[in-house]
Amino acid sequence: MTHTSLIDIAEGSAHQPARLAWVGMEGIDLPLQVAGQPMAGRADAGVSLDDPGARGIHMSRLYLALERLAGQDLTPTRLREVLAHFLDSHHGLSQGAFLDLQGDVLLRRPALVSPLAGWKAYPLVVRSRLTHEGVEARLELAIGYSSTCPCSAALARQLIQEGFDRDFAEGQTVDREAVRAWLGSEQGIVATPHSQRSQAHLQLRLDPETETLPVVEVIDRVESALGTALQTAVKRVDEQAFALANGQNLMFCEDAARRLDRVLRDQPGVIGFRLRVVHAESLHAHDAVARSQWNWREAGSI
């Protein structure tokens, strides 16, 4: 049987010549590994088409290059290697290479007091670019936490004080045990401050010289700064500790944004950021939002 070479019409000439900023594939399933944990990832891979006369690129070459990342711990070095392979395999056609990876990284997080632990997912995106200006990489994370409104807490305390004035008349001799029992009753604590499940959305510019993705380091520092990270497996002693942490970390969205601004400026491997905190109000039907940025610039052409 005679084998003939298969034609490739992508190597033909464009009917209407023009340069294209990005050509490739989106939503490619890819097994990734971040912080030692496997992750079901998705990839968007592409290159610029700078030869205006070329009809198309070789998408299969991009797809096969992604195998260099399959099952391997994600590092800036591996990202650079894949981007360089994108360009090498499109010599004469492309001057820019682009790769976005996303998924949920699962980290095992301990309870506050008890020996329990559980898994928590953190949505993650890594965006990388290779152009004539060099390599640029960005890390995006979403981190959940609890926030208790300081205004609501103050109003609740005021109502408790007013209840005390009603139940313990001025000039009355106050019995310690009676007050203690009153504080533990529904008649005593008549109001509680409202809390909300909140999120910090981070976009981090990574130092081109860094050799690691600071995923766990950033998550740990952010959760420590906020003090009220969402929990996994808990016992009642952990729930009580969580209530105490919320009471000691009353936060408007502005407070949370300022805390994160401070810790991210000192994060090794990060040379700029943009952050957005969202407090999903339980009082209102809308969200309270605060934003901040430092040494930020928009990413290169995609």
Protein backbone atom coordinates (compact mmCIF):
# COMPACT_ATOMS: atom_id res chain seq x y z
CA MET A 1 0.00 0.00 0.00
CA THR A 2 1.39 3.36 -1.00
CA HIS A 3 1.36 6.09 1.64
CA THR A 4 1.04 9.65 0.47
CA SER A 5 1.67 12.74 2.58
CA LEU A 6 -1.49 14.41 3.85
CA ILE A 7 -2.16 17.93 2.74
CA ASP A 8 -2.20 20.74 5.29
CA ILE A 9 -4.25 23.67 4.04
CA ALA A 10 -3.23 25.69 7.12
CA GLU A 11 0.11 26.13 5.36
CA GLY A 12 -1.60 27.95 2.51
CA SER A 13 -1.97 31.68 2.07
CA ALA A 14 -4.66 33.74 3.78
CA HIS A 15 -7.46 34.91 1.52
CA GLN A 16 -7.54 38.25 3.35
CA PRO A 17 -4.07 38.89 4.83
CA ALA A 18 -4.03 40.34 8.36
CA ARG A 19 -2.13 39.91 11.61
CA LEU A 20 -4.01 38.28 14.49
CA ALA A 21 -3.27 38.97 18.16
CA TRP A 22 -4.18 35.50 19.44
CA VAL A 23 -4.95 32.15 17.82
CA GLY A 24 -5.20 28.87 19.69
CA MET A 25 -7.48 26.75 21.86
CA GLU A 26 -9.50 27.30 25.02
CA GLY A 27 -10.79 24.87 27.63
CA ILE A 28 -8.22 22.09 27.14
CA ASP A 29 -8.48 19.47 29.92
CA LEU A 30 -5.11 18.96 31.56
CA PRO A 31 -3.97 17.18 34.75
CA LEU A 32 -1.93 19.65 36.77
CA GLN A 33 -0.20 19.60 40.13
CA VAL A 34 0.01 22.62 42.45
CA ALA A 35 1.62 22.63 45.89
CA GLY A 36 2.01 18.87 45.62
CA GLN A 37 -1.71 18.33 45.07
CA PRO A 38 -3.20 16.99 41.81
CA MET A 39 -5.66 19.32 40.13
CA ALA A 40 -8.07 18.81 37.27
CA GLY A 41 -7.01 21.80 35.22
CA ARG A 42 -8.05 23.57 32.05
CA ALA A 43 -5.74 25.36 29.68
CA ASP A 44 -6.11 28.16 27.15
CA ALA A 45 -3.11 28.06 24.81
CA GLY A 46 -2.33 30.34 21.91
CA VAL A 47 0.20 32.31 19.89
CA SER A 48 0.03 35.50 17.90
CA LEU A 49 -0.20 35.14 14.12
CA ASP A 50 2.17 37.86 12.99
CA ASP A 51 2.67 36.66 9.43
CA PRO A 52 -0.27 38.38 7.70
CA GLY A 53 -0.09 36.02 4.76
CA ALA A 54 -0.18 32.77 6.75
CA ARG A 55 -3.60 31.14 6.81
CA GLY A 56 -3.29 29.54 10.25
CA ILE A 57 -1.15 28.09 13.02
CA HIS A 58 -0.37 24.49 14.01
CA MET A 59 -2.73 23.95 16.93
CA SER A 60 -1.68 20.35 17.47
CA ARG A 61 1.83 21.59 18.30
CA LEU A 62 0.43 23.69 21.13
CA TYR A 63 -1.66 20.80 22.39
CA LEU A 64 1.30 18.39 22.44
CA ALA A 65 3.55 20.94 24.17
CA LEU A 66 1.14 21.02 27.11
CA GLU A 67 2.12 17.43 27.91
CA ARG A 68 5.25 18.92 29.51
CA LEU A 69 2.97 20.12 32.31
CA ALA A 70 0.81 17.03 32.73
CA GLY A 71 1.12 15.64 36.26
CA GLN A 72 4.12 17.85 37.02
CA ASP A 73 4.28 20.42 39.80
CA LEU A 74 3.54 23.79 38.23
CA THR A 75 6.58 26.10 38.33
CA PRO A 76 7.57 29.29 36.48
CA THR A 77 10.42 27.36 34.85
CA ARG A 78 8.04 24.81 33.29
CA LEU A 79 5.76 27.60 32.13
CA ARG A 80 8.69 29.33 30.40
CA GLU A 81 9.70 26.08 28.73
CA VAL A 82 6.21 25.50 27.34
CA LEU A 83 5.89 29.08 26.10
CA ALA A 84 9.29 28.87 24.42
CA HIS A 85 8.21 25.63 22.73
CA PHE A 86 5.06 27.36 21.46
CA LEU A 87 7.22 29.95 19.71
CA ASP A 88 9.90 27.53 18.51
CA SER A 89 7.21 25.39 16.86
CA HIS A 90 5.82 28.48 15.11
CA HIS A 91 9.06 30.06 13.98
CA GLY A 92 8.39 32.71 11.37
CA LEU A 93 4.69 32.84 12.19
CA SER A 94 4.47 34.07 15.78
CA GLN A 95 6.20 36.51 18.11
CA GLY A 96 4.05 36.03 21.20
CA ALA A 97 2.95 32.97 23.17
CA PHE A 98 0.16 32.79 25.74
CA LEU A 99 -0.92 30.22 28.31
CA ASP A 100 -3.67 30.40 30.93
CA LEU A 101 -4.17 27.54 33.40
CA GLN A 102 -7.03 27.27 35.86
CA GLY A 103 -8.61 24.92 38.34
CA ASP A 104 -9.19 24.45 42.07
CA VAL A 105 -6.23 23.65 44.30
CA LEU A 106 -7.25 21.49 47.28
CA LEU A 107 -5.42 22.13 50.55
CA ARG A 108 -5.89 20.26 53.82
CA ARG A 109 -6.66 22.78 56.56
CA PRO A 110 -6.68 22.08 60.30
CA ALA A 111 -9.51 23.01 62.66
CA LEU A 112 -8.96 25.90 65.06
CA VAL A 113 -8.75 23.85 68.27
CA SER A 114 -9.66 20.19 67.81
CA PRO A 115 -7.43 17.69 65.95
CA LEU A 116 -9.86 17.57 63.01
CA ALA A 117 -8.89 18.66 59.50
CA GLY A 118 -10.55 18.83 56.11
CA TRP A 119 -10.05 19.81 52.49
CA LYS A 120 -10.77 23.25 51.11
CA ALA A 121 -10.75 24.31 47.46
CA TYR A 122 -9.15 27.55 46.30
CA PRO A 123 -9.93 28.65 42.73
CA LEU A 124 -6.67 29.44 40.96
CA VAL A 125 -5.58 30.89 37.61
CA VAL A 126 -2.02 31.20 36.31
CA ARG A 127 -1.58 33.49 33.30
CA SER A 128 1.75 33.58 31.47
CA ARG A 129 2.99 35.44 28.40
CA LEU A 130 6.20 35.33 26.35
CA THR A 131 6.81 38.24 23.98
CA HIS A 132 9.75 40.27 22.74
CA GLU A 133 9.57 42.10 26.10
CA GLY A 134 10.21 38.86 28.01
CA VAL A 135 8.15 36.58 30.23
CA GLU A 136 5.28 37.79 32.37
CA ALA A 137 3.37 35.59 34.81
CA ARG A 138 0.40 36.33 37.02
CA LEU A 139 -1.29 34.36 39.76
CA GLU A 140 -4.99 34.80 40.56
CA LEU A 141 -6.57 33.39 43.71
CA ALA A 142 -9.98 33.50 45.39
CA ILE A 143 -9.90 33.07 49.17
CA GLY A 144 -13.01 32.82 51.32
CA TYR A 145 -13.39 34.16 54.88
CA SER A 146 -16.00 35.34 57.35
CA SER A 147 -16.57 39.02 58.15
CA THR A 148 -18.60 40.50 61.00
CA CYS A 149 -19.89 44.07 60.61
CA PRO A 150 -18.47 46.48 63.26
CA CYS A 151 -21.54 48.70 63.04
CA SER A 152 -23.89 45.78 63.61
CA ALA A 153 -21.75 44.63 66.56
CA ALA A 154 -21.93 48.07 68.19
CA LEU A 155 -25.71 48.23 67.73
CA ALA A 156 -26.09 44.73 69.21
CA ARG A 157 -24.01 45.72 72.26
CA GLN A 158 -26.19 48.80 72.73
CA LEU A 159 -29.35 46.68 72.80
CA ILE A 160 -27.75 44.34 75.36
CA GLN A 161 -26.89 47.33 77.54
CA GLU A 162 -30.45 48.62 77.29
CA GLY A 163 -31.74 45.16 78.25
CA PHE A 164 -29.46 45.15 81.27
CA ASP A 165 -30.83 48.53 82.35
CA ARG A 166 -34.39 47.16 82.15
CA ASP A 167 -33.70 43.92 84.02
CA PHE A 168 -31.40 45.37 86.66
CA ALA A 169 -32.81 48.62 87.96
CA GLU A 170 -30.52 51.49 88.93
CA GLY A 171 -29.64 51.34 92.61
CA GLN A 172 -30.50 47.64 92.82
CA THR A 173 -27.95 45.36 94.41
CA VAL A 174 -26.61 43.21 91.58
CA ASP A 175 -25.91 39.56 92.31
CA ARG A 176 -22.95 38.17 90.35
CA GLU A 177 -24.56 34.81 89.68
CA ALA A 178 -27.78 36.45 88.54
CA VAL A 179 -25.87 38.59 86.05
CA ARG A 180 -23.92 35.57 84.85
CA ALA A 181 -27.13 33.64 84.28
CA TRP A 182 -28.68 36.66 82.53
CA LEU A 183 -25.70 36.90 80.15
CA GLY A 184 -26.18 33.26 79.18
CA SER A 185 -29.89 33.64 78.47
CA GLU A 186 -31.82 34.67 75.38
CA GLN A 187 -33.24 37.54 77.42
CA GLY A 188 -29.72 38.80 78.05
CA ILE A 189 -28.12 38.47 74.62
CA VAL A 190 -31.09 39.83 72.71
CA ALA A 191 -29.16 40.83 69.59
CA THR A 192 -26.21 39.46 67.62
CA PRO A 193 -24.16 41.20 64.92
CA HIS A 194 -24.61 40.03 61.36
CA SER A 195 -21.80 38.21 59.58
CA GLN A 196 -21.31 37.27 55.97
CA ARG A 197 -19.31 34.81 53.93
CA SER A 198 -16.78 36.96 52.11
CA GLN A 199 -14.16 36.57 49.40
CA ALA A 200 -10.83 38.11 48.53
CA HIS A 201 -10.03 38.08 44.82
CA LEU A 202 -6.30 38.55 44.20
CA GLN A 203 -4.37 39.21 40.99
CA LEU A 204 -0.63 39.05 41.59
CA ARG A 205 2.22 40.05 39.28
CA LEU A 206 5.03 37.56 39.84
CA ASP A 207 8.71 38.43 39.89
CA PRO A 208 10.22 37.11 36.59
CA GLU A 209 13.10 35.66 38.63
CA THR A 210 10.93 33.64 41.02
CA GLU A 211 11.24 29.87 40.73
CA THR A 212 8.11 28.94 42.67
CA LEU A 213 4.44 29.80 42.54
CA PRO A 214 3.72 31.21 46.02
CA VAL A 215 0.25 29.67 46.21
CA VAL A 216 0.31 28.23 49.74
CA GLU A 217 2.39 31.11 51.09
CA VAL A 218 -0.09 33.71 49.85
CA ILE A 219 -3.12 31.77 51.10
CA ASP A 220 -1.56 31.31 54.55
CA ARG A 221 -0.63 34.99 54.86
CA VAL A 222 -4.01 36.21 53.69
CA GLU A 223 -5.94 33.91 56.03
CA SER A 224 -3.68 34.86 58.93
CA ALA A 225 -4.14 38.59 58.24
CA LEU A 226 -7.94 38.27 58.13
CA GLY A 227 -8.16 35.94 61.12
CA THR A 228 -11.46 34.32 60.12
CA ALA A 229 -10.71 31.77 57.41
CA LEU A 230 -13.58 29.50 56.41
CA GLN A 231 -13.48 26.17 58.24
CA THR A 232 -13.84 22.56 57.15
CA ALA A 233 -14.40 19.79 59.74
CA VAL A 234 -15.22 21.23 63.17
CA LYS A 235 -16.34 20.29 66.65
CA ARG A 236 -18.26 22.61 68.97
CA VAL A 237 -15.01 23.81 70.51
CA ASP A 238 -13.88 24.92 67.03
CA GLU A 239 -17.21 26.64 66.37
CA GLN A 240 -16.82 28.53 69.63
CA ALA A 241 -13.27 29.53 68.71
CA PHE A 242 -14.57 30.72 65.32
CA ALA A 243 -17.20 32.87 67.05
CA LEU A 244 -14.44 34.37 69.21
CA ALA A 245 -12.26 35.04 66.15
CA ASN A 246 -15.13 36.85 64.44
CA GLY A 247 -15.78 38.94 67.54
CA GLN A 248 -12.13 39.92 67.74
CA ASN A 249 -11.79 40.66 64.02
CA LEU A 250 -14.71 42.96 63.23
CA MET A 251 -14.23 44.13 59.64
CA PHE A 252 -15.75 46.48 57.16
CA CYS A 253 -14.70 45.64 53.60
CA GLU A 254 -12.33 48.62 53.82
CA ASP A 255 -10.59 47.04 56.83
CA ALA A 256 -10.13 43.74 55.03
CA ALA A 257 -8.75 45.41 51.90
CA ARG A 258 -6.21 47.39 53.94
CA ARG A 259 -5.04 44.29 55.79
CA LEU A 260 -4.46 42.47 52.52
CA ASP A 261 -2.80 45.48 50.89
CA ARG A 262 -0.25 45.50 53.70
CA VAL A 263 0.64 41.79 53.63
CA LEU A 264 0.77 41.52 49.82
CA ARG A 265 3.26 44.40 49.52
CA ASP A 266 5.66 42.32 51.62
CA GLN A 267 5.01 38.98 49.87
CA PRO A 268 8.25 37.54 48.38
CA GLY A 269 7.96 36.86 44.67
CA VAL A 270 5.15 39.41 44.17
CA ILE A 271 6.02 42.70 42.42
CA GLY A 272 2.52 44.12 42.05
CA PHE A 273 -1.11 43.29 42.68
CA ARG A 274 -4.73 44.20 42.29
CA LEU A 275 -7.20 43.01 44.94
CA ARG A 276 -10.95 43.08 45.42
CA VAL A 277 -12.77 42.05 48.59
CA VAL A 278 -16.47 41.25 48.52
CA HIS A 279 -18.63 41.08 51.64
CA ALA A 280 -21.87 39.36 50.63
CA GLU A 281 -24.16 41.33 52.91
CA SER A 282 -26.69 39.49 55.05
CA LEU A 283 -28.42 42.79 55.88
CA HIS A 284 -28.72 44.07 52.31
CA ALA A 285 -29.48 42.47 48.95
CA HIS A 286 -26.25 43.97 47.56
CA ASP A 287 -22.57 43.41 48.31
CA ALA A 288 -20.04 45.67 50.01
CA VAL A 289 -16.84 45.87 47.94
CA ALA A 290 -13.40 47.45 48.35
CA ARG A 291 -10.46 47.42 45.93
CA SER A 292 -6.78 48.25 46.07
CA GLN A 293 -3.75 47.93 43.84
CA TRP A 294 -0.02 48.45 43.92
CA ASN A 295 2.48 48.58 41.07
CA TRP A 296 -0.21 47.23 38.78
CA ARG A 297 -0.33 47.29 35.00
CA GLU A 298 -2.58 45.58 32.57
CA ALA A 299 -1.31 42.35 31.07
CA GLY A 300 0.13 42.27 27.58
CA SER A 301 -1.99 41.61 24.54
CA ILE A 302 -4.01 38.39 24.60
